[in-house]
Protein backbone atom coordinates (compact mmCIF):
# COMPACT_ATOMS: atom_id res chain seq x y z
CA MET A 1 43.49 -90.65 54.05
CA LYS A 2 42.33 -87.22 52.66
CA THR A 3 39.43 -87.11 50.08
CA THR A 4 38.58 -84.46 47.77
CA THR A 5 35.16 -83.92 46.09
CA ARG A 6 35.05 -82.82 42.79
CA PRO A 7 32.92 -80.24 41.64
CA ASP A 8 29.75 -81.24 40.00
CA PRO A 9 29.74 -81.18 36.08
CA GLU A 10 26.50 -79.22 36.27
CA ALA A 11 28.89 -75.92 37.62
CA ALA A 12 30.57 -75.10 34.15
CA PRO A 13 27.07 -74.66 31.90
CA LEU A 14 25.73 -73.22 34.95
CA GLN A 15 28.76 -70.68 35.32
CA GLU A 16 28.61 -69.75 31.59
CA ILE A 17 24.89 -68.55 31.91
CA LEU A 18 25.73 -66.55 34.91
CA THR A 19 28.30 -65.23 32.99
CA ARG A 20 26.12 -64.21 30.05
CA LEU A 21 23.62 -62.95 32.77
CA ILE A 22 26.00 -60.87 34.48
CA ASP A 23 27.18 -59.48 30.87
CA SER A 24 23.41 -58.80 30.01
CA ILE A 25 22.89 -56.55 33.01
CA ALA A 26 26.22 -54.50 32.31
CA GLY A 27 25.36 -54.53 29.11
CA PHE A 28 21.61 -52.91 29.29
CA ARG A 29 22.58 -50.59 31.71
CA LEU A 30 25.01 -49.04 29.32
CA ALA A 31 22.73 -49.30 26.48
CA ALA A 32 20.30 -47.05 29.28
CA ASP A 33 22.86 -44.29 29.71
CA PHE A 34 23.06 -43.43 26.33
CA ALA A 35 20.29 -44.55 24.66
CA THR A 36 17.63 -41.53 23.78
CA ASP A 37 14.40 -43.37 23.68
CA ALA A 38 12.68 -43.68 26.27
CA THR A 39 10.65 -46.83 25.49
CA PHE A 40 14.10 -48.43 25.09
CA ILE A 41 15.78 -46.78 28.32
CA ARG A 42 12.73 -48.52 29.70
CA LEU A 43 13.25 -51.95 28.55
CA CYS A 44 16.63 -51.97 29.26
CA GLN A 45 16.04 -50.64 32.87
CA ARG A 46 13.47 -53.84 33.49
CA SER A 47 15.48 -56.04 31.83
CA ALA A 48 18.72 -55.42 33.93
CA ASP A 49 16.61 -55.44 37.16
CA ALA A 50 14.73 -58.95 36.42
CA ARG A 51 18.02 -60.16 35.96
CA GLU A 52 19.73 -59.08 38.82
CA ALA A 53 17.38 -60.68 40.92
CA ILE A 54 18.39 -64.31 39.28
CA VAL A 55 21.75 -63.45 39.51
CA GLU A 56 22.62 -64.22 43.60
CA GLU A 57 20.09 -67.57 43.40
CA LEU A 58 22.35 -69.31 40.30
CA ALA A 59 25.48 -68.28 42.17
CA ALA A 60 23.76 -70.11 45.38
CA VAL A 61 23.11 -73.31 42.72
CA ILE A 62 27.23 -73.09 41.25
CA ALA A 63 28.61 -73.12 45.13
CA ALA A 64 26.08 -76.01 45.81
CA CYS A 65 27.83 -77.79 43.16
CA GLY A 66 31.16 -77.43 44.81
CA VAL A 67 32.39 -74.69 42.75
CA GLU A 68 33.09 -70.60 43.95
CA PRO A 69 31.04 -69.18 41.28
CA SER A 70 32.52 -66.03 39.66
CA LEU A 71 30.48 -62.82 39.28
CA ASP A 72 32.68 -61.10 37.07
CA GLY A 73 31.15 -61.43 33.55
CA SER A 74 33.58 -61.91 30.41
CA ARG A 75 36.44 -60.09 28.99
CA GLU A 76 35.16 -59.83 25.68
CA ALA A 77 31.67 -58.30 26.60
CA SER A 78 33.47 -56.28 28.49
CA ILE A 79 35.97 -55.00 25.59
CA HIS A 80 32.63 -55.10 23.88
CA ARG A 81 30.91 -52.31 26.52
CA ALA A 82 34.07 -50.14 26.85
CA TRP A 83 33.97 -50.10 22.73
CA ILE A 84 30.41 -49.00 22.34
CA ARG A 85 31.08 -46.44 25.12
CA LEU A 86 33.81 -44.94 23.42
CA THR A 87 31.83 -44.88 20.04
CA CYS A 88 28.65 -43.76 21.77
CA GLN A 89 30.87 -41.03 22.99
CA VAL A 90 33.20 -40.03 19.99
CA HIS A 91 29.92 -40.77 17.20
CA PRO A 92 26.50 -39.50 19.35
CA GLN A 93 24.61 -41.27 16.07
CA PHE A 94 26.04 -44.71 17.17
CA ARG A 95 23.59 -44.82 19.60
CA LYS A 96 20.89 -45.59 17.05
CA ARG A 97 22.85 -48.79 16.74
CA LEU A 98 22.54 -49.38 21.00
CA ARG A 99 18.92 -51.71 19.78
CA ALA A 100 20.59 -53.78 17.45
CA GLU A 101 23.46 -53.93 19.83
CA CYS A 102 21.07 -55.68 22.43
CA GLU A 103 18.82 -57.55 20.36
CA ARG A 104 22.47 -59.34 19.27
CA GLY A 105 23.78 -59.73 22.87
CA GLU A 106 20.13 -61.33 23.46
CA ARG A 107 20.39 -63.74 20.44
CA GLU A 108 24.05 -64.82 21.94
CA PHE A 109 22.66 -65.18 25.49
CA GLN A 110 19.55 -67.60 24.01
CA ARG A 111 21.79 -69.72 21.86
CA THR A 112 23.94 -69.97 25.42
CA LEU A 113 20.53 -71.56 27.18
CA ASP A 114 19.53 -73.23 24.17
CA THR A 115 22.57 -75.17 23.19
CA ARG A 116 24.40 -75.85 26.55
CA LYS A 117 23.98 -79.20 27.99
CA LEU A 118 22.96 -78.92 30.97
CA PRO A 119 21.97 -81.82 33.50
CA ALA A 120 18.82 -82.62 35.03
CA ALA A 121 18.57 -79.71 37.17
CA ARG A 122 19.31 -79.96 40.66
CA ASN A 123 15.82 -78.89 42.05
CA GLU A 124 12.50 -77.96 40.80
CA ARG A 125 13.69 -74.20 41.66
CA THR A 126 16.64 -74.35 39.72
CA GLY A 127 14.77 -75.89 36.82
CA SER A 128 12.40 -72.93 36.69
CA MET A 129 14.72 -70.50 37.35
CA LEU A 130 16.46 -71.04 33.80
CA ALA A 131 13.12 -71.44 32.21
CA GLU A 132 12.12 -67.89 33.78
CA LEU A 133 15.60 -66.87 31.87
CA ARG A 134 14.47 -68.29 28.91
CA THR A 135 11.04 -66.69 29.09
CA PHE A 136 13.25 -62.85 29.86
CA VAL A 137 15.58 -63.54 26.46
CA ALA A 138 12.36 -64.70 24.44
CA ALA A 139 10.40 -61.38 25.95
CA THR A 140 13.39 -59.24 25.20
CA LEU A 141 14.15 -60.08 22.25
CA SER A 142 10.52 -59.81 20.83
CA ALA A 143 10.37 -56.04 23.04
CA LEU A 144 13.29 -55.26 21.13
CA ARG A 145 12.04 -56.05 17.62
CA ARG A 146 8.44 -54.42 18.61
CA ILE A 147 10.35 -50.85 19.41
CA GLU A 148 11.96 -51.38 15.64
CA ALA A 149 9.26 -52.09 14.14
CA ALA A 150 7.24 -48.92 15.67
CA LYS A 151 10.31 -46.75 14.98
CA LYS A 152 10.40 -47.96 11.56
CA ALA A 153 6.32 -47.49 11.10
CA HIS A 154 6.75 -43.56 12.68
CA ALA A 155 9.43 -42.73 10.37
CA ALA A 156 7.45 -44.26 7.08
CA ASP A 157 4.70 -41.70 8.72
CA HIS A 158 6.78 -39.01 8.71
CA HIS A 159 7.89 -39.83 5.19
CA TYR A 160 4.46 -40.47 4.03
CA ALA A 161 3.17 -36.93 5.92
CA ALA A 162 6.17 -35.02 3.89
CA ALA A 163 5.42 -36.54 0.78
């Protein structure tokens, strides 16, 4: 008699997180390629690098659940990045929107991390890896907001100096 093993139900939400993780890495790399602000570029590069370290580990957890992990990212994000790439090439002033696009993506990622029903973590390391990812996303959102606030303050200083 042939027996089949069912994939662990924990695999689907973990795969969704892995897909968002891969999408965020590609998005930060794209933003760094087109941005002109050195602080924002460094943030994008650091964010992508820190997340890349988690991809293999999360993929291994999914594989341990009995599912082949997908490392492709989502079609939707791929199309969105193509649109951003084209828009930045055709309308260079759009580059100013990159920070807002990164912030929007981070809020989406945060929502994914916060709303997916994750069964109890397979082990302590998986739980701490997901907590670390939540911390990365929150810290990146905070840094993006600080960059925007500094930019606005700098613009206001120039406005008052010119007056």
